Amino acid sequence: MSATLIALALFGCSDDGTACRRLEAQAPVATFQTRAECDRSLEDALETDAALRADAPTVYAQCLPSAQLAALGTGEVDLTRVGKVQFAQN
């Protein structure tokens, strides 16, 4: 088993995914041992209260290695450069 943790994070974004911010204040980042475990949680993450109440036209749920998520920081990020996984229109 890999020592790399996979993080599932929610992002509130512009419609095109180029201007996104993490929603960690409303939805703490969940971590998983494998990407498969994280992938199984993507749809449920988009149905959480934090995702449904986000003040953004689009909410993305994304599984990333925790080190990559930490490197993104908490500022604005362009998810089209990261590779979005799942999204829901608000």
PDB file of N, CA and C in Angstrom:
ATOM      1  N   MET A   1       0.843  -1.181   0.000  1.00  0.00           N
ATOM      2  CA  MET A   1       0.000   0.000   0.000  1.00  0.00           C
ATOM      3  C   MET A   1       0.885   1.241   0.000  1.00  0.00           C
ATOM      4  N   SER A   2       0.452   2.252  -0.717  1.00  0.00           N
ATOM      5  CA  SER A   2       1.206   3.489  -0.843  1.00  0.00           C
ATOM      6  C   SER A   2       1.144   4.298   0.453  1.00  0.00           C
ATOM      7  N   ALA A   3       2.231   5.001   0.731  1.00  0.00           N
ATOM      8  CA  ALA A   3       2.254   5.870   1.904  1.00  0.00           C
ATOM      9  C   ALA A   3       1.627   7.223   1.591  1.00  0.00           C
ATOM     10  N   THR A   4       1.293   7.455   0.321  1.00  0.00           N
ATOM     11  CA  THR A   4       0.700   8.722  -0.092  1.00  0.00           C
ATOM     12  C   THR A   4      -0.776   8.743   0.250  1.00  0.00           C
ATOM     13  N   LEU A   5      -1.199   9.754   1.002  1.00  0.00           N
ATOM     14  CA  LEU A   5      -2.614   9.918   1.285  1.00  0.00           C
ATOM     15  C   LEU A   5      -3.265  10.667   0.129  1.00  0.00           C
ATOM     16  N   ILE A   6      -4.500  10.293  -0.176  1.00  0.00           N
ATOM     17  CA  ILE A   6      -5.274  10.959  -1.210  1.00  0.00           C
ATOM     18  C   ILE A   6      -6.306  11.830  -0.505  1.00  0.00           C
ATOM     19  N   ALA A   7      -6.385  13.086  -0.894  1.00  0.00           N
ATOM     20  CA  ALA A   7      -7.306  14.034  -0.273  1.00  0.00           C
ATOM     21  C   ALA A   7      -8.467  14.334  -1.211  1.00  0.00           C
ATOM     22  N   LEU A   8      -9.667  14.393  -0.649  1.00  0.00           N
ATOM     23  CA  LEU A   8     -10.853  14.794  -1.397  1.00  0.00           C
ATOM     24  C   LEU A   8     -11.206  16.195  -0.932  1.00  0.00           C
ATOM     25  N   ALA A   9     -11.138  17.138  -1.832  1.00  0.00           N
ATOM     26  CA  ALA A   9     -11.419  18.525  -1.485  1.00  0.00           C
ATOM     27  C   ALA A   9     -12.524  19.075  -2.363  1.00  0.00           C
ATOM     28  N   LEU A  10     -13.261  20.031  -1.825  1.00  0.00           N
ATOM     29  CA  LEU A  10     -14.299  20.737  -2.577  1.00  0.00           C
ATOM     30  C   LEU A  10     -13.780  22.112  -2.964  1.00  0.00           C
ATOM     31  N   PHE A  11     -14.128  22.526  -4.174  1.00  0.00           N
ATOM     32  CA  PHE A  11     -13.738  23.834  -4.687  1.00  0.00           C
ATOM     33  C   PHE A  11     -14.977  24.552  -5.197  1.00  0.00           C
ATOM     34  N   GLY A  12     -15.135  25.821  -4.846  1.00  0.00           N
ATOM     35  CA  GLY A  12     -16.157  26.679  -5.421  1.00  0.00           C
ATOM     36  C   GLY A  12     -15.510  27.442  -6.560  1.00  0.00           C
ATOM     37  N   CYS A  13     -16.116  27.358  -7.769  1.00  0.00           N
ATOM     38  CA  CYS A  13     -15.450  27.860  -8.966  1.00  0.00           C
ATOM     39  C   CYS A  13     -16.351  28.699  -9.855  1.00  0.00           C
ATOM     40  N   SER A  14     -15.696  29.414 -10.754  1.00  0.00           N
ATOM     41  CA  SER A  14     -16.397  30.051 -11.866  1.00  0.00           C
ATOM     42  C   SER A  14     -16.909  28.930 -12.769  1.00  0.00           C
ATOM     43  N   ASP A  15     -17.820  29.243 -13.679  1.00  0.00           N
ATOM     44  CA  ASP A  15     -18.396  28.213 -14.550  1.00  0.00           C
ATOM     45  C   ASP A  15     -17.347  27.435 -15.334  1.00  0.00           C
ATOM     46  N   ASP A  16     -16.266  28.093 -15.734  1.00  0.00           N
ATOM     47  CA  ASP A  16     -15.266  27.419 -16.562  1.00  0.00           C
ATOM     48  C   ASP A  16     -14.159  26.740 -15.760  1.00  0.00           C
ATOM     49  N   GLY A  17     -14.188  26.853 -14.436  1.00  0.00           N
ATOM     50  CA  GLY A  17     -13.205  26.175 -13.592  1.00  0.00           C
ATOM     51  C   GLY A  17     -11.852  26.849 -13.517  1.00  0.00           C
ATOM     52  N   THR A  18     -11.739  28.063 -14.064  1.00  0.00           N
ATOM     53  CA  THR A  18     -10.432  28.725 -14.037  1.00  0.00           C
ATOM     54  C   THR A  18     -10.212  29.574 -12.789  1.00  0.00           C
ATOM     55  N   ALA A  19     -11.269  29.916 -12.070  1.00  0.00           N
ATOM     56  CA  ALA A  19     -11.147  30.723 -10.845  1.00  0.00           C
ATOM     57  C   ALA A  19     -11.835  29.960  -9.717  1.00  0.00           C
ATOM     58  N   CYS A  20     -11.053  29.212  -8.955  1.00  0.00           N
ATOM     59  CA  CYS A  20     -11.603  28.350  -7.904  1.00  0.00           C
ATOM     60  C   CYS A  20     -10.941  28.635  -6.567  1.00  0.00           C
ATOM     61  N   ARG A  21     -11.695  28.398  -5.497  1.00  0.00           N
ATOM     62  CA  ARG A  21     -11.175  28.477  -4.130  1.00  0.00           C
ATOM     63  C   ARG A  21     -11.648  27.245  -3.378  1.00  0.00           C
ATOM     64  N   ARG A  22     -10.754  26.735  -2.522  1.00  0.00           N
ATOM     65  CA  ARG A  22     -11.133  25.577  -1.710  1.00  0.00           C
ATOM     66  C   ARG A  22     -12.215  25.964  -0.731  1.00  0.00           C
ATOM     67  N   LEU A  23     -13.129  25.042  -0.469  1.00  0.00           N
ATOM     68  CA  LEU A  23     -14.207  25.260   0.494  1.00  0.00           C
ATOM     69  C   LEU A  23     -13.877  24.619   1.830  1.00  0.00           C
ATOM     70  N   GLU A  24     -12.606  24.625   2.234  1.00  0.00           N
ATOM     71  CA  GLU A  24     -12.219  23.893   3.444  1.00  0.00           C
ATOM     72  C   GLU A  24     -12.844  24.424   4.716  1.00  0.00           C
ATOM     73  N   ALA A  25     -13.216  25.693   4.760  1.00  0.00           N
ATOM     74  CA  ALA A  25     -13.846  26.217   5.979  1.00  0.00           C
ATOM     75  C   ALA A  25     -15.203  25.544   6.199  1.00  0.00           C
ATOM     76  N   GLN A  26     -15.932  25.285   5.122  1.00  0.00           N
ATOM     77  CA  GLN A  26     -17.248  24.653   5.218  1.00  0.00           C
ATOM     78  C   GLN A  26     -17.159  23.129   5.156  1.00  0.00           C
ATOM     79  N   ALA A  27     -16.116  22.611   4.533  1.00  0.00           N
ATOM     80  CA  ALA A  27     -15.988  21.163   4.341  1.00  0.00           C
ATOM     81  C   ALA A  27     -14.540  20.753   4.547  1.00  0.00           C
ATOM     82  N   PRO A  28     -14.212  20.224   5.714  1.00  0.00           N
ATOM     83  CA  PRO A  28     -12.833  19.784   5.941  1.00  0.00           C
ATOM     84  C   PRO A  28     -12.424  18.748   4.890  1.00  0.00           C
ATOM     85  N   VAL A  29     -11.158  18.753   4.545  1.00  0.00           N
ATOM     86  CA  VAL A  29     -10.633  17.825   3.556  1.00  0.00           C
ATOM     87  C   VAL A  29     -10.629  16.417   4.146  1.00  0.00           C
ATOM     88  N   ALA A  30     -11.212  15.476   3.418  1.00  0.00           N
ATOM     89  CA  ALA A  30     -11.195  14.067   3.819  1.00  0.00           C
ATOM     90  C   ALA A  30      -9.988  13.399   3.173  1.00  0.00           C
ATOM     91  N   THR A  31      -9.363  12.450   3.868  1.00  0.00           N
ATOM     92  CA  THR A  31      -8.227  11.734   3.296  1.00  0.00           C
ATOM     93  C   THR A  31      -8.522  10.246   3.227  1.00  0.00           C
ATOM     94  N   PHE A  32      -7.893   9.601   2.256  1.00  0.00           N
ATOM     95  CA  PHE A  32      -8.100   8.183   1.986  1.00  0.00           C
ATOM     96  C   PHE A  32      -6.752   7.522   1.726  1.00  0.00           C
ATOM     97  N   GLN A  33      -6.700   6.224   1.924  1.00  0.00           N
ATOM     98  CA  GLN A  33      -5.472   5.467   1.667  1.00  0.00           C
ATOM     99  C   GLN A  33      -5.244   5.240   0.177  1.00  0.00           C
ATOM    100  N   THR A  34      -6.332   5.168  -0.609  1.00  0.00           N
ATOM    101  CA  THR A  34      -6.202   4.904  -2.044  1.00  0.00           C
ATOM    102  C   THR A  34      -7.074   5.863  -2.849  1.00  0.00           C
ATOM    103  N   ARG A  35      -6.707   6.053  -4.109  1.00  0.00           N
ATOM    104  CA  ARG A  35      -7.508   6.893  -4.995  1.00  0.00           C
ATOM    105  C   ARG A  35      -8.879   6.250  -5.233  1.00  0.00           C
ATOM    106  N   ALA A  36      -8.950   4.947  -5.296  1.00  0.00           N
ATOM    107  CA  ALA A  36     -10.234   4.266  -5.513  1.00  0.00           C
ATOM    108  C   ALA A  36     -11.213   4.583  -4.383  1.00  0.00           C
ATOM    109  N   GLU A  37     -10.736   4.568  -3.137  1.00  0.00           N
ATOM    110  CA  GLU A  37     -11.597   4.924  -2.007  1.00  0.00           C
ATOM    111  C   GLU A  37     -12.094   6.357  -2.146  1.00  0.00           C
ATOM    112  N   CYS A  38     -11.208   7.245  -2.524  1.00  0.00           N
ATOM    113  CA  CYS A  38     -11.579   8.648  -2.683  1.00  0.00           C
ATOM    114  C   CYS A  38     -12.586   8.806  -3.822  1.00  0.00           C
ATOM    115  N   ASP A  39     -12.313   8.165  -4.945  1.00  0.00           N
ATOM    116  CA  ASP A  39     -13.207   8.261  -6.106  1.00  0.00           C
ATOM    117  C   ASP A  39     -14.627   7.826  -5.768  1.00  0.00           C
ATOM    118  N   ARG A  40     -14.769   6.827  -4.904  1.00  0.00           N
ATOM    119  CA  ARG A  40     -16.104   6.351  -4.513  1.00  0.00           C
ATOM    120  C   ARG A  40     -16.862   7.395  -3.690  1.00  0.00           C
ATOM    121  N   SER A  41     -16.161   8.365  -3.127  1.00  0.00           N
ATOM    122  CA  SER A  41     -16.788   9.393  -2.288  1.00  0.00           C
ATOM    123  C   SER A  41     -17.099  10.687  -3.038  1.00  0.00           C
ATOM    124  N   LEU A  42     -16.707  10.789  -4.297  1.00  0.00           N
ATOM    125  CA  LEU A  42     -16.864  12.048  -5.040  1.00  0.00           C
ATOM    126  C   LEU A  42     -18.315  12.498  -5.140  1.00  0.00           C
ATOM    127  N   GLU A  43     -19.198  11.621  -5.570  1.00  0.00           N
ATOM    128  CA  GLU A  43     -20.606  12.017  -5.730  1.00  0.00           C
ATOM    129  C   GLU A  43     -21.224  12.432  -4.400  1.00  0.00           C
ATOM    130  N   ASP A  44     -20.930  11.682  -3.340  1.00  0.00           N
ATOM    131  CA  ASP A  44     -21.465  12.033  -2.018  1.00  0.00           C
ATOM    132  C   ASP A  44     -20.951  13.400  -1.565  1.00  0.00           C
ATOM    133  N   ALA A  45     -19.703  13.724  -1.890  1.00  0.00           N
ATOM    134  CA  ALA A  45     -19.138  15.011  -1.495  1.00  0.00           C
ATOM    135  C   ALA A  45     -19.905  16.165  -2.132  1.00  0.00           C
ATOM    136  N   LEU A  46     -20.402  15.953  -3.345  1.00  0.00           N
ATOM    137  CA  LEU A  46     -21.146  17.005  -4.037  1.00  0.00           C
ATOM    138  C   LEU A  46     -22.558  17.179  -3.494  1.00  0.00           C
ATOM    139  N   GLU A  47     -22.996  16.245  -2.668  1.00  0.00           N
ATOM    140  CA  GLU A  47     -24.327  16.330  -2.063  1.00  0.00           C
ATOM    141  C   GLU A  47     -24.276  16.826  -0.623  1.00  0.00           C
ATOM    142  N   THR A  48     -23.101  17.177  -0.127  1.00  0.00           N
ATOM    143  CA  THR A  48     -22.988  17.674   1.249  1.00  0.00           C
ATOM    144  C   THR A  48     -23.550  19.084   1.350  1.00  0.00           C
ATOM    145  N   ASP A  49     -23.863  19.470   2.571  1.00  0.00           N
ATOM    146  CA  ASP A  49     -24.395  20.803   2.831  1.00  0.00           C
ATOM    147  C   ASP A  49     -23.420  21.880   2.344  1.00  0.00           C
ATOM    148  N   ALA A  50     -22.129  21.673   2.565  1.00  0.00           N
ATOM    149  CA  ALA A  50     -21.123  22.658   2.142  1.00  0.00           C
ATOM    150  C   ALA A  50     -21.128  22.842   0.629  1.00  0.00           C
ATOM    151  N   ALA A  51     -21.249  21.770  -0.114  1.00  0.00           N
ATOM    152  CA  ALA A  51     -21.262  21.869  -1.575  1.00  0.00           C
ATOM    153  C   ALA A  51     -22.539  22.534  -2.065  1.00  0.00           C
ATOM    154  N   LEU A  52     -23.666  22.162  -1.469  1.00  0.00           N
ATOM    155  CA  LEU A  52     -24.947  22.701  -1.916  1.00  0.00           C
ATOM    156  C   LEU A  52     -25.127  24.171  -1.548  1.00  0.00           C
ATOM    157  N   ARG A  53     -24.475  24.629  -0.480  1.00  0.00           N
ATOM    158  CA  ARG A  53     -24.622  26.019  -0.036  1.00  0.00           C
ATOM    159  C   ARG A  53     -23.493  26.935  -0.519  1.00  0.00           C
ATOM    160  N   ALA A  54     -22.553  26.392  -1.254  1.00  0.00           N
ATOM    161  CA  ALA A  54     -21.408  27.191  -1.705  1.00  0.00           C
ATOM    162  C   ALA A  54     -21.864  28.366  -2.558  1.00  0.00           C
ATOM    163  N   ASP A  55     -21.261  29.509  -2.315  1.00  0.00           N
ATOM    164  CA  ASP A  55     -21.575  30.714  -3.071  1.00  0.00           C
ATOM    165  C   ASP A  55     -20.687  30.761  -4.313  1.00  0.00           C
ATOM    166  N   ALA A  56     -20.936  29.842  -5.228  1.00  0.00           N
ATOM    167  CA  ALA A  56     -20.173  29.744  -6.474  1.00  0.00           C
ATOM    168  C   ALA A  56     -21.063  29.087  -7.515  1.00  0.00           C
ATOM    169  N   PRO A  57     -20.915  29.464  -8.779  1.00  0.00           N
ATOM    170  CA  PRO A  57     -21.754  28.864  -9.812  1.00  0.00           C
ATOM    171  C   PRO A  57     -21.503  27.371  -9.990  1.00  0.00           C
ATOM    172  N   THR A  58     -20.284  26.916  -9.721  1.00  0.00           N
ATOM    173  CA  THR A  58     -19.928  25.513  -9.908  1.00  0.00           C
ATOM    174  C   THR A  58     -19.135  25.040  -8.702  1.00  0.00           C
ATOM    175  N   VAL A  59     -19.405  23.815  -8.271  1.00  0.00           N
ATOM    176  CA  VAL A  59     -18.634  23.189  -7.195  1.00  0.00           C
ATOM    177  C   VAL A  59     -17.987  21.933  -7.762  1.00  0.00           C
ATOM    178  N   TYR A  60     -16.690  21.817  -7.543  1.00  0.00           N
ATOM    179  CA  TYR A  60     -15.940  20.649  -7.981  1.00  0.00           C
ATOM    180  C   TYR A  60     -15.500  19.849  -6.772  1.00  0.00           C
ATOM    181  N   ALA A  61     -15.554  18.535  -6.889  1.00  0.00           N
ATOM    182  CA  ALA A  61     -14.961  17.630  -5.905  1.00  0.00           C
ATOM    183  C   ALA A  61     -13.794  16.955  -6.614  1.00  0.00           C
ATOM    184  N   GLN A  62     -12.640  16.954  -5.965  1.00  0.00           N
ATOM    185  CA  GLN A  62     -11.462  16.422  -6.621  1.00  0.00           C
ATOM    186  C   GLN A  62     -10.621  15.611  -5.656  1.00  0.00           C
ATOM    187  N   CYS A  63     -10.128  14.464  -6.141  1.00  0.00           N
ATOM    188  CA  CYS A  63      -9.190  13.636  -5.390  1.00  0.00           C
ATOM    189  C   CYS A  63      -7.784  13.944  -5.884  1.00  0.00           C
ATOM    190  N   LEU A  64      -6.925  14.306  -4.952  1.00  0.00           N
ATOM    191  CA  LEU A  64      -5.545  14.656  -5.274  1.00  0.00           C
ATOM    192  C   LEU A  64      -4.629  14.075  -4.205  1.00  0.00           C
ATOM    193  N   PRO A  65      -3.388  13.778  -4.562  1.00  0.00           N
ATOM    194  CA  PRO A  65      -2.438  13.427  -3.500  1.00  0.00           C
ATOM    195  C   PRO A  65      -2.391  14.585  -2.504  1.00  0.00           C
ATOM    196  N   SER A  66      -2.352  14.274  -1.228  1.00  0.00           N
ATOM    197  CA  SER A  66      -2.422  15.324  -0.209  1.00  0.00           C
ATOM    198  C   SER A  66      -1.303  16.341  -0.365  1.00  0.00           C
ATOM    199  N   ALA A  67      -0.136  15.925  -0.820  1.00  0.00           N
ATOM    200  CA  ALA A  67       0.966  16.869  -1.032  1.00  0.00           C
ATOM    201  C   ALA A  67       0.628  17.846  -2.163  1.00  0.00           C
ATOM    202  N   GLN A  68      -0.039  17.371  -3.208  1.00  0.00           N
ATOM    203  CA  GLN A  68      -0.430  18.253  -4.303  1.00  0.00           C
ATOM    204  C   GLN A  68      -1.478  19.251  -3.832  1.00  0.00           C
ATOM    205  N   LEU A  69      -2.428  18.788  -3.027  1.00  0.00           N
ATOM    206  CA  LEU A  69      -3.446  19.688  -2.498  1.00  0.00           C
ATOM    207  C   LEU A  69      -2.797  20.761  -1.623  1.00  0.00           C
ATOM    208  N   ALA A  70      -1.860  20.365  -0.789  1.00  0.00           N
ATOM    209  CA  ALA A  70      -1.162  21.338   0.063  1.00  0.00           C
ATOM    210  C   ALA A  70      -0.408  22.356  -0.793  1.00  0.00           C
ATOM    211  N   ALA A  71       0.164  21.919  -1.909  1.00  0.00           N
ATOM    212  CA  ALA A  71       0.908  22.827  -2.784  1.00  0.00           C
ATOM    213  C   ALA A  71      -0.016  23.843  -3.446  1.00  0.00           C
ATOM    214  N   LEU A  72      -1.298  23.502  -3.633  1.00  0.00           N
ATOM    215  CA  LEU A  72      -2.243  24.446  -4.226  1.00  0.00           C
ATOM    216  C   LEU A  72      -2.525  25.614  -3.297  1.00  0.00           C
ATOM    217  N   GLY A  73      -2.382  25.380  -1.991  1.00  0.00           N
ATOM    218  CA  GLY A  73      -2.636  26.432  -1.012  1.00  0.00           C
ATOM    219  C   GLY A  73      -4.120  26.724  -0.875  1.00  0.00           C
ATOM    220  N   THR A  74      -4.428  27.884  -0.314  1.00  0.00           N
ATOM    221  CA  THR A  74      -5.823  28.250  -0.081  1.00  0.00           C
ATOM    222  C   THR A  74      -6.275  29.411  -0.951  1.00  0.00           C
ATOM    223  N   GLY A  75      -5.397  29.895  -1.807  1.00  0.00           N
ATOM    224  CA  GLY A  75      -5.767  30.990  -2.693  1.00  0.00           C
ATOM    225  C   GLY A  75      -6.522  30.488  -3.914  1.00  0.00           C
ATOM    226  N   GLU A  76      -6.640  31.364  -4.889  1.00  0.00           N
ATOM    227  CA  GLU A  76      -7.338  31.015  -6.118  1.00  0.00           C
ATOM    228  C   GLU A  76      -6.502  30.028  -6.931  1.00  0.00           C
ATOM    229  N   VAL A  77      -7.192  29.065  -7.541  1.00  0.00           N
ATOM    230  CA  VAL A  77      -6.516  28.052  -8.340  1.00  0.00           C
ATOM    231  C   VAL A  77      -7.301  27.828  -9.632  1.00  0.00           C
ATOM    232  N   ASP A  78      -6.604  27.481 -10.692  1.00  0.00           N
ATOM    233  CA  ASP A  78      -7.207  27.146 -11.984  1.00  0.00           C
ATOM    234  C   ASP A  78      -7.280  25.629 -12.077  1.00  0.00           C
ATOM    235  N   LEU A  79      -8.462  25.051 -11.831  1.00  0.00           N
ATOM    236  CA  LEU A  79      -8.595  23.594 -11.835  1.00  0.00           C
ATOM    237  C   LEU A  79      -8.458  23.001 -13.224  1.00  0.00           C
ATOM    238  N   THR A  80      -8.568  23.799 -14.275  1.00  0.00           N
ATOM    239  CA  THR A  80      -8.373  23.240 -15.612  1.00  0.00           C
ATOM    240  C   THR A  80      -6.922  22.820 -15.799  1.00  0.00           C
ATOM    241  N   ARG A  81      -6.027  23.354 -14.973  1.00  0.00           N
ATOM    242  CA  ARG A  81      -4.623  22.954 -15.036  1.00  0.00           C
ATOM    243  C   ARG A  81      -4.330  21.768 -14.122  1.00  0.00           C
ATOM    244  N   VAL A  82      -5.244  21.462 -13.226  1.00  0.00           N
ATOM    245  CA  VAL A  82      -5.066  20.369 -12.281  1.00  0.00           C
ATOM    246  C   VAL A  82      -5.780  19.118 -12.784  1.00  0.00           C
ATOM    247  N   GLY A  83      -6.876  19.284 -13.517  1.00  0.00           N
ATOM    248  CA  GLY A  83      -7.634  18.150 -14.025  1.00  0.00           C
ATOM    249  C   GLY A  83      -8.838  17.864 -13.165  1.00  0.00           C
ATOM    250  N   LYS A  84      -9.952  18.525 -13.426  1.00  0.00           N
ATOM    251  CA  LYS A  84     -11.138  18.345 -12.594  1.00  0.00           C
ATOM    252  C   LYS A  84     -11.721  16.942 -12.758  1.00  0.00           C
ATOM    253  N   VAL A  85     -12.372  16.466 -11.714  1.00  0.00           N
ATOM    254  CA  VAL A  85     -12.893  15.116 -11.696  1.00  0.00           C
ATOM    255  C   VAL A  85     -14.411  15.108 -11.736  1.00  0.00           C
ATOM    256  N   GLN A  86     -15.060  15.764 -10.816  1.00  0.00           N
ATOM    257  CA  GLN A  86     -16.521  15.787 -10.728  1.00  0.00           C
ATOM    258  C   GLN A  86     -16.967  17.221 -10.488  1.00  0.00           C
ATOM    259  N   PHE A  87     -18.123  17.591 -10.997  1.00  0.00           N
ATOM    260  CA  PHE A  87     -18.625  18.920 -10.715  1.00  0.00           C
ATOM    261  C   PHE A  87     -20.135  18.923 -10.672  1.00  0.00           C
ATOM    262  N   ALA A  88     -20.674  19.948 -10.026  1.00  0.00           N
ATOM    263  CA  ALA A  88     -22.122  20.123  -9.939  1.00  0.00           C
ATOM    264  C   ALA A  88     -22.415  21.602 -10.083  1.00  0.00           C
ATOM    265  N   GLN A  89     -23.409  21.950 -10.872  1.00  0.00           N
ATOM    266  CA  GLN A  89     -23.801  23.340 -11.031  1.00  0.00           C
ATOM    267  C   GLN A  89     -24.713  23.709  -9.862  1.00  0.00           C
ATOM    268  N   ASN A  90     -24.481  24.874  -9.248  1.00  0.00           N
ATOM    269  CA  ASN A  90     -25.377  25.369  -8.189  1.00  0.00           C
ATOM    270  C   ASN A  90     -26.540  26.091  -8.808  1.00  0.00           C
TER     271      ASN A  90
END
